[in-house]
Amino acid sequence: MKAQGSCYFGKLRSSGSAVLLAAVAAGPVIAAPLSLPVTTDVNVLNIPDVNVSNVATVTVDNVPTVAVGNTISAPLPVQVVSGEPLDIAYDLSGSCNDPAKVYTVPAGKRLVIEHVSVFVRLNAGNAAEGNITMTPTSGPYRNAYLKLASQLANGVYSDYVADQPALNFADAGATVGLCVTADQVFPSGNYYAFVHVTGYLVGAP
């Protein structure tokens, strides 16, 4: 028996049993989306074990022995620099327009300056600066400047002192000049400047 709609129903008999048939006449069948559970944990299984074998042994040979706390029988090796000590003291009292030539390095020698000490006394309210000038036999001269610091100001005079390590060189024939300059016109007896330089001479080709 045929119905008027989009489906038809019928009954068939087989072996005494009733079978109900239903057929869709037209159009696709739309299924609802499948809902899946959401999880943030990820488990990785069956990870194989990795074993590193046959790693070569590294041996470092010829490593020197370092001794800390050397004794007389095993002293620390040092290089001794043989030099002739040099001590220069100079009175620069008065004004200084050009460096006073206080020393000339002898032939076959090189001068190494290691320390400079300066004392300057000026009229009150004045300041000073100082330098050491190395003038070679040829080429430009070189200046090493002194850091003069105020030590005393009593309204009558001002004292400045520099006492500093140095490392300056002058070859054979070079002259070493010392200069202290102040920003005043010096009345007689009111300007004192004394310089003390120490170092040593070494042989030079």
N, C-alpha and C. Protein backbone atom coordinates (compact mmCIF):
# COMPACT_ATOMS: atom_id res chain seq x y z
N MET A 1 0.86 -1.18 0.00
CA MET A 1 0.00 0.00 0.00
C MET A 1 0.90 1.23 0.00
N LYS A 2 0.68 2.18 -0.90
CA LYS A 2 1.53 3.35 -1.09
C LYS A 2 0.92 4.55 -0.40
N ALA A 3 1.72 5.26 0.34
CA ALA A 3 1.25 6.46 1.05
C ALA A 3 1.47 7.67 0.18
N GLN A 4 0.86 8.87 0.55
CA GLN A 4 0.95 10.10 -0.22
C GLN A 4 2.19 10.91 0.14
N GLY A 5 2.90 10.63 1.25
CA GLY A 5 4.06 11.43 1.68
C GLY A 5 5.36 10.95 1.07
N SER A 6 6.47 11.25 1.86
CA SER A 6 7.79 10.92 1.35
C SER A 6 8.25 9.56 1.78
N CYS A 7 7.49 8.87 2.55
CA CYS A 7 7.87 7.53 3.01
C CYS A 7 6.73 6.56 2.69
N TYR A 8 7.08 5.33 2.57
CA TYR A 8 6.04 4.33 2.42
C TYR A 8 6.34 3.22 3.38
N PHE A 9 5.32 2.56 3.80
CA PHE A 9 5.43 1.46 4.74
C PHE A 9 4.75 0.25 4.13
N GLY A 10 5.26 -0.86 4.41
CA GLY A 10 4.62 -2.08 3.93
C GLY A 10 4.91 -3.22 4.85
N LYS A 11 4.28 -4.25 4.72
CA LYS A 11 4.48 -5.43 5.54
C LYS A 11 4.78 -6.61 4.66
N LEU A 12 5.80 -7.30 5.00
CA LEU A 12 6.15 -8.54 4.30
C LEU A 12 6.16 -9.65 5.31
N ARG A 13 5.80 -10.72 4.86
CA ARG A 13 5.80 -11.90 5.73
C ARG A 13 6.83 -12.88 5.23
N SER A 14 7.65 -13.34 6.11
CA SER A 14 8.64 -14.37 5.74
C SER A 14 8.78 -15.28 6.93
N SER A 15 8.57 -16.53 6.67
CA SER A 15 8.66 -17.58 7.70
C SER A 15 7.82 -17.24 8.89
N GLY A 16 6.68 -16.65 8.65
CA GLY A 16 5.76 -16.39 9.73
C GLY A 16 6.11 -15.17 10.55
N SER A 17 7.16 -14.36 10.18
CA SER A 17 7.54 -13.18 10.97
C SER A 17 7.25 -11.93 10.17
N ALA A 18 6.84 -10.86 10.89
CA ALA A 18 6.52 -9.60 10.23
C ALA A 18 7.75 -8.69 10.25
N VAL A 19 8.09 -8.12 9.12
CA VAL A 19 9.24 -7.21 8.98
C VAL A 19 8.72 -5.86 8.56
N LEU A 20 9.08 -4.81 9.28
CA LEU A 20 8.66 -3.44 8.98
C LEU A 20 9.77 -2.75 8.22
N LEU A 21 9.48 -2.24 7.01
CA LEU A 21 10.46 -1.54 6.18
C LEU A 21 10.11 -0.07 6.15
N ALA A 22 11.15 0.76 6.28
CA ALA A 22 10.94 2.20 6.13
C ALA A 22 12.04 2.74 5.24
N ALA A 23 11.71 3.52 4.31
CA ALA A 23 12.68 4.07 3.36
C ALA A 23 12.48 5.57 3.26
N VAL A 24 13.58 6.30 3.15
CA VAL A 24 13.51 7.73 2.95
C VAL A 24 13.49 7.98 1.48
N ALA A 25 12.49 8.69 1.02
CA ALA A 25 12.32 8.87 -0.40
C ALA A 25 13.37 9.82 -0.98
N ALA A 26 13.71 10.91 -0.28
CA ALA A 26 14.66 11.88 -0.85
C ALA A 26 15.33 12.67 0.25
N GLY A 27 16.56 13.29 -0.07
CA GLY A 27 17.28 14.17 0.87
C GLY A 27 18.31 13.43 1.70
N PRO A 28 19.45 14.14 2.05
CA PRO A 28 20.51 13.50 2.86
C PRO A 28 20.09 13.36 4.31
N VAL A 29 20.78 12.50 4.96
CA VAL A 29 20.56 12.31 6.39
C VAL A 29 21.64 13.12 7.15
N ILE A 30 21.28 14.09 8.00
CA ILE A 30 22.21 14.94 8.76
C ILE A 30 22.34 14.39 10.16
N ALA A 31 23.59 14.05 10.50
CA ALA A 31 23.84 13.49 11.83
C ALA A 31 24.32 14.60 12.77
N ALA A 32 24.02 14.54 14.03
CA ALA A 32 24.47 15.51 15.03
C ALA A 32 25.96 15.32 15.30
N PRO A 33 26.76 16.48 15.59
CA PRO A 33 28.20 16.33 15.87
C PRO A 33 28.45 15.46 17.10
N LEU A 34 29.60 14.73 17.00
CA LEU A 34 29.96 13.82 18.08
C LEU A 34 30.78 14.59 19.12
N SER A 35 30.37 14.62 20.33
CA SER A 35 31.06 15.32 21.41
C SER A 35 32.15 14.42 21.98
N LEU A 36 33.44 14.95 21.96
CA LEU A 36 34.57 14.19 22.47
C LEU A 36 35.07 14.83 23.77
N PRO A 37 35.58 14.06 24.68
CA PRO A 37 36.12 14.63 25.93
C PRO A 37 37.43 15.39 25.66
N VAL A 38 37.64 16.52 26.38
CA VAL A 38 38.85 17.34 26.24
C VAL A 38 39.73 17.13 27.48
N THR A 39 41.03 16.89 27.25
CA THR A 39 41.97 16.68 28.37
C THR A 39 43.27 17.42 28.07
N THR A 40 43.94 17.90 29.12
CA THR A 40 45.22 18.61 28.96
C THR A 40 46.41 17.73 29.26
N ASP A 41 46.24 16.56 29.72
CA ASP A 41 47.33 15.66 30.03
C ASP A 41 47.65 14.80 28.83
N VAL A 42 48.97 14.79 28.47
CA VAL A 42 49.42 13.97 27.35
C VAL A 42 50.38 12.94 27.89
N ASN A 43 50.12 11.72 27.70
CA ASN A 43 50.97 10.62 28.16
C ASN A 43 51.61 9.94 26.96
N VAL A 44 52.97 9.92 26.96
CA VAL A 44 53.71 9.23 25.90
C VAL A 44 54.18 7.92 26.46
N LEU A 45 53.78 6.86 25.84
CA LEU A 45 54.08 5.52 26.33
C LEU A 45 55.10 4.83 25.43
N ASN A 46 55.68 3.78 25.98
CA ASN A 46 56.59 2.92 25.21
C ASN A 46 57.81 3.69 24.68
N ILE A 47 58.40 4.60 25.52
CA ILE A 47 59.63 5.30 25.13
C ILE A 47 60.81 4.37 25.39
N PRO A 48 61.64 4.13 24.37
CA PRO A 48 62.75 3.19 24.58
C PRO A 48 63.86 3.82 25.40
N ASP A 49 64.61 3.05 26.18
CA ASP A 49 65.77 3.51 26.92
C ASP A 49 66.97 3.64 25.98
N VAL A 50 67.73 4.77 26.12
CA VAL A 50 68.91 5.00 25.27
C VAL A 50 70.14 4.87 26.14
N ASN A 51 71.01 3.98 25.80
CA ASN A 51 72.25 3.76 26.53
C ASN A 51 73.42 4.12 25.63
N VAL A 52 74.32 5.06 26.14
CA VAL A 52 75.52 5.45 25.39
C VAL A 52 76.68 4.60 25.90
N SER A 53 77.23 3.83 25.02
CA SER A 53 78.32 2.94 25.42
C SER A 53 79.54 3.20 24.53
N ASN A 54 80.64 2.61 24.90
CA ASN A 54 81.89 2.71 24.13
C ASN A 54 82.38 4.16 24.04
N VAL A 55 82.20 4.94 25.13
CA VAL A 55 82.72 6.31 25.16
C VAL A 55 84.21 6.27 25.44
N ALA A 56 85.02 6.96 24.58
CA ALA A 56 86.46 6.92 24.71
C ALA A 56 86.93 7.69 25.94
N THR A 57 87.98 7.22 26.60
CA THR A 57 88.58 7.89 27.74
C THR A 57 89.61 8.91 27.25
N VAL A 58 89.51 10.17 27.76
CA VAL A 58 90.43 11.23 27.36
C VAL A 58 91.47 11.41 28.45
N THR A 59 92.73 11.30 28.08
CA THR A 59 93.84 11.45 29.01
C THR A 59 94.68 12.64 28.60
N VAL A 60 94.92 13.61 29.53
CA VAL A 60 95.75 14.78 29.26
C VAL A 60 97.13 14.54 29.85
N ASP A 61 98.16 14.53 28.97
CA ASP A 61 99.53 14.28 29.40
C ASP A 61 100.31 15.59 29.45
N ASN A 62 101.48 15.52 30.02
CA ASN A 62 102.43 16.65 30.06
C ASN A 62 101.84 17.88 30.74
N VAL A 63 101.01 17.69 31.76
CA VAL A 63 100.47 18.81 32.52
C VAL A 63 101.49 19.20 33.59
N PRO A 64 101.97 20.48 33.58
CA PRO A 64 102.99 20.85 34.57
C PRO A 64 102.42 20.86 35.99
N THR A 65 103.28 20.59 36.93
CA THR A 65 102.90 20.62 38.34
C THR A 65 103.04 22.03 38.88
N VAL A 66 102.00 22.55 39.50
CA VAL A 66 102.00 23.89 40.07
C VAL A 66 102.11 23.78 41.58
N ALA A 67 103.14 24.40 42.13
CA ALA A 67 103.35 24.35 43.57
C ALA A 67 102.92 25.66 44.20
N VAL A 68 102.05 25.61 45.18
CA VAL A 68 101.59 26.79 45.90
C VAL A 68 102.27 26.80 47.27
N GLY A 69 102.87 27.92 47.62
CA GLY A 69 103.63 27.97 48.87
C GLY A 69 105.02 27.41 48.65
N ASN A 70 105.77 28.07 47.74
CA ASN A 70 107.09 27.57 47.38
C ASN A 70 108.05 27.64 48.57
N THR A 71 108.94 26.68 48.59
CA THR A 71 109.94 26.59 49.66
C THR A 71 111.30 26.98 49.10
N ILE A 72 112.30 27.00 49.95
CA ILE A 72 113.66 27.33 49.52
C ILE A 72 114.17 26.32 48.50
N SER A 73 113.81 25.07 48.70
CA SER A 73 114.26 24.03 47.77
C SER A 73 113.51 24.07 46.44
N ALA A 74 112.33 24.70 46.43
CA ALA A 74 111.55 24.83 45.20
C ALA A 74 111.03 26.25 45.10
N PRO A 75 111.91 27.22 44.83
CA PRO A 75 111.50 28.63 44.82
C PRO A 75 110.66 28.97 43.60
N LEU A 76 109.92 30.07 43.71
CA LEU A 76 109.14 30.57 42.60
C LEU A 76 110.08 31.24 41.60
N PRO A 77 110.03 30.83 40.31
CA PRO A 77 110.94 31.45 39.34
C PRO A 77 110.58 32.91 39.08
N VAL A 78 111.56 33.78 39.14
CA VAL A 78 111.38 35.20 38.89
C VAL A 78 112.50 35.69 37.97
N GLN A 79 112.24 36.80 37.30
CA GLN A 79 113.26 37.42 36.47
C GLN A 79 113.74 38.70 37.15
N VAL A 80 115.01 38.74 37.43
CA VAL A 80 115.59 39.89 38.12
C VAL A 80 116.06 40.90 37.08
N VAL A 81 115.54 42.13 37.20
CA VAL A 81 115.95 43.21 36.31
C VAL A 81 117.09 43.96 36.98
N SER A 82 118.25 43.89 36.36
CA SER A 82 119.41 44.55 36.93
C SER A 82 119.43 46.01 36.47
N GLY A 83 119.35 46.93 37.42
CA GLY A 83 119.36 48.33 37.07
C GLY A 83 120.13 49.15 38.09
N GLU A 84 120.56 50.30 37.68
CA GLU A 84 121.30 51.22 38.55
C GLU A 84 120.33 52.21 39.16
N PRO A 85 120.14 52.22 40.47
CA PRO A 85 119.18 53.13 41.09
C PRO A 85 119.51 54.59 40.78
N LEU A 86 118.45 55.37 40.62
CA LEU A 86 118.62 56.79 40.31
C LEU A 86 117.69 57.60 41.21
N ASP A 87 118.24 58.65 41.83
CA ASP A 87 117.49 59.51 42.75
C ASP A 87 117.79 60.96 42.38
N ILE A 88 116.75 61.69 41.95
CA ILE A 88 116.92 63.07 41.51
C ILE A 88 116.11 63.97 42.42
N ALA A 89 116.75 64.97 43.02
CA ALA A 89 116.06 65.98 43.82
C ALA A 89 116.40 67.34 43.23
N TYR A 90 115.37 68.19 43.09
CA TYR A 90 115.60 69.47 42.42
C TYR A 90 114.75 70.56 43.05
N ASP A 91 115.36 71.75 43.15
CA ASP A 91 114.67 72.92 43.69
C ASP A 91 114.19 73.77 42.52
N LEU A 92 112.85 73.90 42.40
CA LEU A 92 112.27 74.67 41.30
C LEU A 92 111.72 76.00 41.77
N SER A 93 112.15 76.49 42.91
CA SER A 93 111.60 77.74 43.45
C SER A 93 111.77 78.88 42.46
N GLY A 94 110.75 79.71 42.34
CA GLY A 94 110.73 80.77 41.33
C GLY A 94 109.68 80.44 40.30
N SER A 95 109.65 81.13 39.18
CA SER A 95 108.68 80.83 38.13
C SER A 95 109.29 79.87 37.13
N CYS A 96 108.44 79.13 36.43
CA CYS A 96 108.89 78.13 35.49
C CYS A 96 108.15 78.31 34.18
N ASN A 97 108.78 78.90 33.20
CA ASN A 97 108.16 79.03 31.89
C ASN A 97 108.48 77.84 31.00
N ASP A 98 109.67 77.32 31.13
CA ASP A 98 110.09 76.12 30.40
C ASP A 98 110.57 75.10 31.42
N PRO A 99 110.41 73.81 31.12
CA PRO A 99 110.86 72.79 32.06
C PRO A 99 112.35 72.93 32.35
N ALA A 100 112.70 72.87 33.62
CA ALA A 100 114.11 72.91 34.01
C ALA A 100 114.74 71.56 33.67
N LYS A 101 115.82 71.59 32.92
CA LYS A 101 116.49 70.36 32.51
C LYS A 101 117.31 69.85 33.69
N VAL A 102 116.82 68.80 34.32
CA VAL A 102 117.45 68.33 35.55
C VAL A 102 118.30 67.08 35.35
N TYR A 103 118.12 66.39 34.20
CA TYR A 103 118.88 65.15 34.02
C TYR A 103 118.96 64.81 32.54
N THR A 104 120.13 64.31 32.14
CA THR A 104 120.34 63.80 30.78
C THR A 104 120.72 62.34 30.87
N VAL A 105 120.01 61.48 30.15
CA VAL A 105 120.25 60.04 30.22
C VAL A 105 121.58 59.73 29.54
N PRO A 106 122.48 59.02 30.22
CA PRO A 106 123.80 58.74 29.63
C PRO A 106 123.72 57.77 28.46
N ALA A 107 124.77 57.74 27.66
CA ALA A 107 124.84 56.88 26.49
C ALA A 107 124.76 55.40 26.91
N GLY A 108 124.07 54.61 26.11
CA GLY A 108 123.95 53.18 26.39
C GLY A 108 122.99 52.84 27.50
N LYS A 109 122.21 53.82 27.99
CA LYS A 109 121.30 53.59 29.10
C LYS A 109 119.87 53.99 28.72
N ARG A 110 118.95 53.49 29.50
CA ARG A 110 117.54 53.90 29.43
C ARG A 110 117.05 54.18 30.84
N LEU A 111 116.41 55.33 31.00
CA LEU A 111 115.91 55.73 32.31
C LEU A 111 114.47 55.25 32.49
N VAL A 112 114.21 54.63 33.64
CA VAL A 112 112.86 54.23 34.01
C VAL A 112 112.47 55.02 35.25
N ILE A 113 111.48 55.90 35.13
CA ILE A 113 111.00 56.70 36.27
C ILE A 113 109.85 55.95 36.93
N GLU A 114 109.96 55.72 38.25
CA GLU A 114 108.97 54.93 38.98
C GLU A 114 108.14 55.74 39.96
N HIS A 115 108.68 56.87 40.44
CA HIS A 115 107.95 57.61 41.46
C HIS A 115 108.33 59.08 41.40
N VAL A 116 107.31 59.95 41.65
CA VAL A 116 107.53 61.40 41.64
C VAL A 116 106.85 62.00 42.87
N SER A 117 107.56 62.88 43.56
CA SER A 117 107.02 63.58 44.71
C SER A 117 107.30 65.07 44.56
N VAL A 118 106.29 65.92 44.81
CA VAL A 118 106.42 67.37 44.61
C VAL A 118 105.80 68.09 45.81
N PHE A 119 106.46 69.16 46.25
CA PHE A 119 105.90 70.06 47.25
C PHE A 119 105.96 71.48 46.69
N VAL A 120 104.81 72.20 46.78
CA VAL A 120 104.73 73.57 46.27
C VAL A 120 104.08 74.45 47.33
N ARG A 121 104.67 75.63 47.58
CA ARG A 121 104.05 76.62 48.47
C ARG A 121 103.86 77.91 47.68
N LEU A 122 102.60 78.42 47.70
CA LEU A 122 102.24 79.61 46.94
C LEU A 122 101.64 80.66 47.86
N ASN A 123 101.44 81.87 47.32
CA ASN A 123 100.66 82.86 48.04
C ASN A 123 99.24 82.35 48.21
N ALA A 124 98.58 82.78 49.25
CA ALA A 124 97.23 82.31 49.55
C ALA A 124 96.29 82.58 48.37
N GLY A 125 95.42 81.61 48.12
CA GLY A 125 94.42 81.77 47.08
C GLY A 125 94.88 81.42 45.69
N ASN A 126 96.09 80.90 45.52
CA ASN A 126 96.61 80.53 44.20
C ASN A 126 96.69 79.02 44.07
N ALA A 127 96.75 78.56 42.81
CA ALA A 127 96.83 77.13 42.51
C ALA A 127 98.01 76.88 41.59
N ALA A 128 98.41 75.60 41.49
CA ALA A 128 99.58 75.25 40.69
C ALA A 128 99.33 73.95 39.94
N GLU A 129 100.14 73.72 38.91
CA GLU A 129 100.13 72.46 38.18
C GLU A 129 101.58 72.09 37.90
N GLY A 130 101.82 70.82 37.68
CA GLY A 130 103.19 70.37 37.44
C GLY A 130 103.24 69.26 36.42
N ASN A 131 104.41 69.07 35.82
CA ASN A 131 104.60 67.99 34.86
C ASN A 131 106.07 67.63 34.74
N ILE A 132 106.29 66.44 34.22
CA ILE A 132 107.63 65.97 33.86
C ILE A 132 107.67 65.88 32.35
N THR A 133 108.73 66.40 31.74
CA THR A 133 108.85 66.38 30.29
C THR A 133 110.07 65.55 29.89
N MET A 134 109.85 64.54 29.03
CA MET A 134 110.94 63.74 28.47
C MET A 134 111.17 64.19 27.03
N THR A 135 112.35 64.75 26.76
CA THR A 135 112.66 65.26 25.42
C THR A 135 113.75 64.39 24.80
N PRO A 136 113.41 63.57 23.79
CA PRO A 136 114.42 62.70 23.18
C PRO A 136 115.35 63.48 22.26
N THR A 137 116.39 62.81 21.77
CA THR A 137 117.32 63.46 20.86
C THR A 137 116.67 63.76 19.51
N SER A 138 115.63 63.02 19.17
CA SER A 138 114.87 63.28 17.96
C SER A 138 113.42 62.90 18.20
N GLY A 139 112.51 63.56 17.52
CA GLY A 139 111.09 63.27 17.70
C GLY A 139 110.47 64.17 18.75
N PRO A 140 109.16 64.04 18.94
CA PRO A 140 108.44 64.93 19.87
C PRO A 140 108.73 64.59 21.33
N TYR A 141 108.55 65.57 22.19
CA TYR A 141 108.70 65.35 23.62
C TYR A 141 107.41 64.75 24.18
N ARG A 142 107.49 64.22 25.40
CA ARG A 142 106.35 63.61 26.06
C ARG A 142 106.21 64.20 27.46
N ASN A 143 104.99 64.48 27.84
CA ASN A 143 104.70 65.02 29.17
C ASN A 143 104.00 63.98 30.04
N ALA A 144 104.36 63.94 31.31
CA ALA A 144 103.64 63.17 32.32
C ALA A 144 103.19 64.17 33.38
N TYR A 145 101.89 64.27 33.59
CA TYR A 145 101.34 65.33 34.44
C TYR A 145 101.22 64.86 35.90
N LEU A 146 101.44 65.81 36.79
CA LEU A 146 101.38 65.53 38.22
C LEU A 146 100.04 65.98 38.79
N LYS A 147 99.51 65.20 39.69
CA LYS A 147 98.24 65.52 40.32
C LYS A 147 98.51 66.24 41.64
N LEU A 148 98.51 67.57 41.59
CA LEU A 148 98.77 68.37 42.78
C LEU A 148 97.48 68.57 43.58
N ALA A 149 97.52 68.24 44.85
CA ALA A 149 96.34 68.37 45.71
C ALA A 149 96.63 69.37 46.83
N SER A 150 95.63 70.16 47.16
CA SER A 150 95.78 71.16 48.22
C SER A 150 95.93 70.46 49.58
N GLN A 151 96.93 70.87 50.32
CA GLN A 151 97.19 70.29 51.63
C GLN A 151 96.98 71.28 52.78
N LEU A 152 97.20 72.56 52.51
CA LEU A 152 97.10 73.55 53.58
C LEU A 152 96.79 74.92 52.97
N ALA A 153 95.84 75.64 53.59
CA ALA A 153 95.53 77.02 53.20
C ALA A 153 95.20 77.79 54.48
N ASN A 154 96.09 78.68 54.89
CA ASN A 154 95.92 79.38 56.18
C ASN A 154 95.70 80.88 56.01
N GLY A 155 95.41 81.33 54.80
CA GLY A 155 95.21 82.74 54.57
C GLY A 155 96.47 83.50 54.22
N VAL A 156 97.62 82.88 54.46
CA VAL A 156 98.90 83.51 54.12
C VAL A 156 99.52 82.84 52.91
N TYR A 157 99.50 81.52 52.90
CA TYR A 157 100.01 80.77 51.76
C TYR A 157 99.19 79.49 51.58
N SER A 158 99.36 78.87 50.42
CA SER A 158 98.66 77.63 50.07
C SER A 158 99.71 76.58 49.68
N ASP A 159 99.58 75.39 50.27
CA ASP A 159 100.51 74.30 49.98
C ASP A 159 99.85 73.25 49.10
N TYR A 160 100.59 72.76 48.12
CA TYR A 160 100.12 71.69 47.25
C TYR A 160 101.17 70.59 47.23
N VAL A 161 100.68 69.35 47.19
CA VAL A 161 101.57 68.19 47.23
C VAL A 161 101.12 67.17 46.18
N ALA A 162 102.09 66.54 45.52
CA ALA A 162 101.85 65.38 44.66
C ALA A 162 102.81 64.29 45.08
N ASP A 163 102.32 63.10 45.22
CA ASP A 163 103.14 61.94 45.58
C ASP A 163 102.53 60.74 44.87
N GLN A 164 103.09 60.36 43.74
CA GLN A 164 102.40 59.39 42.89
C GLN A 164 103.39 58.45 42.20
N PRO A 165 102.96 57.20 42.00
CA PRO A 165 103.78 56.28 41.21
C PRO A 165 103.78 56.71 39.75
N ALA A 166 104.79 56.29 39.04
CA ALA A 166 104.91 56.64 37.63
C ALA A 166 105.58 55.48 36.88
N LEU A 167 105.44 55.50 35.59
CA LEU A 167 106.15 54.54 34.73
C LEU A 167 106.43 55.26 33.41
N ASN A 168 107.57 55.94 33.39
CA ASN A 168 107.97 56.72 32.23
C ASN A 168 109.38 56.29 31.81
N PHE A 169 109.64 56.42 30.51
CA PHE A 169 110.92 55.97 29.96
C PHE A 169 111.57 57.09 29.17
N ALA A 170 112.91 57.15 29.24
CA ALA A 170 113.68 58.10 28.44
C ALA A 170 114.95 57.40 27.98
N ASP A 171 115.20 57.43 26.68
CA ASP A 171 116.35 56.74 26.12
C ASP A 171 117.61 57.59 26.22
N ALA A 172 118.73 56.98 25.84
CA ALA A 172 120.03 57.64 25.92
C ALA A 172 120.01 58.98 25.18
N GLY A 173 120.58 60.00 25.82
CA GLY A 173 120.64 61.32 25.23
C GLY A 173 119.44 62.18 25.52
N ALA A 174 118.34 61.60 25.96
CA ALA A 174 117.13 62.38 26.26
C ALA A 174 117.33 63.19 27.53
N THR A 175 116.66 64.32 27.61
CA THR A 175 116.70 65.14 28.81
C THR A 175 115.37 65.03 29.54
N VAL A 176 115.44 65.06 30.85
CA VAL A 176 114.25 65.02 31.69
C VAL A 176 114.09 66.40 32.32
N GLY A 177 112.94 67.02 32.07
CA GLY A 177 112.67 68.34 32.62
C GLY A 177 111.53 68.30 33.61
N LEU A 178 111.61 69.12 34.64
CA LEU A 178 110.56 69.22 35.65
C LEU A 178 110.06 70.65 35.69
N CYS A 179 108.75 70.80 35.81
CA CYS A 179 108.17 72.14 35.79
C CYS A 179 106.97 72.21 36.71
N VAL A 180 106.90 73.30 37.49
CA VAL A 180 105.71 73.61 38.29
C VAL A 180 105.29 75.03 37.92
N THR A 181 104.04 75.19 37.53
CA THR A 181 103.53 76.49 37.10
C THR A 181 102.37 76.89 37.99
N ALA A 182 102.34 78.16 38.41
CA ALA A 182 101.27 78.66 39.26
C ALA A 182 100.59 79.85 38.60
N ASP A 183 99.38 80.17 39.07
CA ASP A 183 98.60 81.25 38.47
C ASP A 183 98.78 82.56 39.24
N GLN A 184 100.03 82.89 39.58
CA GLN A 184 100.27 84.11 40.33
C GLN A 184 101.58 84.74 39.87
N VAL A 185 101.74 86.01 40.19
CA VAL A 185 103.04 86.66 40.05
C VAL A 185 103.76 86.49 41.38
N PHE A 186 104.95 85.91 41.34
CA PHE A 186 105.59 85.49 42.58
C PHE A 186 106.43 86.60 43.20
N PRO A 187 106.04 87.06 44.35
CA PRO A 187 106.96 87.93 45.10
C PRO A 187 108.16 87.10 45.55
N SER A 188 109.24 87.76 45.76
CA SER A 188 110.46 87.06 46.16
C SER A 188 110.24 86.30 47.46
N GLY A 189 110.64 85.06 47.45
CA GLY A 189 110.59 84.24 48.66
C GLY A 189 109.24 83.61 48.95
N ASN A 190 108.21 83.90 48.13
CA ASN A 190 106.88 83.35 48.41
C ASN A 190 106.52 82.14 47.55
N TYR A 191 107.44 81.67 46.77
CA TYR A 191 107.16 80.53 45.91
C TYR A 191 108.26 79.50 46.11
N TYR A 192 107.83 78.33 46.60
CA TYR A 192 108.77 77.23 46.79
C TYR A 192 108.25 76.01 46.05
N ALA A 193 109.13 75.30 45.37
CA ALA A 193 108.75 74.06 44.70
C ALA A 193 109.94 73.12 44.73
N PHE A 194 109.72 71.93 45.29
CA PHE A 194 110.78 70.92 45.37
C PHE A 194 110.24 69.62 44.75
N VAL A 195 111.08 69.02 43.92
CA VAL A 195 110.68 67.81 43.19
C VAL A 195 111.67 66.69 43.52
N HIS A 196 111.13 65.51 43.71
CA HIS A 196 111.95 64.33 44.00
C HIS A 196 111.51 63.20 43.06
N VAL A 197 112.43 62.70 42.25
CA VAL A 197 112.14 61.66 41.27
C VAL A 197 113.04 60.46 41.55
N THR A 198 112.46 59.27 41.58
CA THR A 198 113.25 58.04 41.75
C THR A 198 112.97 57.08 40.62
N GLY A 199 113.96 56.28 40.29
CA GLY A 199 113.84 55.28 39.23
C GLY A 199 115.14 54.52 39.12
N TYR A 200 115.45 54.04 37.91
CA TYR A 200 116.70 53.31 37.73
C TYR A 200 117.09 53.35 36.24
N LEU A 201 118.38 53.09 36.00
CA LEU A 201 118.93 53.03 34.65
C LEU A 201 119.17 51.57 34.28
N VAL A 202 118.81 51.21 33.07
CA VAL A 202 119.08 49.87 32.56
C VAL A 202 119.87 49.99 31.26
N GLY A 203 120.58 48.93 30.92
CA GLY A 203 121.32 48.92 29.68
C GLY A 203 120.38 48.92 28.48
N ALA A 204 120.76 49.66 27.45
CA ALA A 204 119.95 49.75 26.23
C ALA A 204 120.87 49.64 25.03
N PRO A 205 120.43 48.94 23.98
CA PRO A 205 121.28 48.81 22.79
C PRO A 205 121.51 50.13 22.10
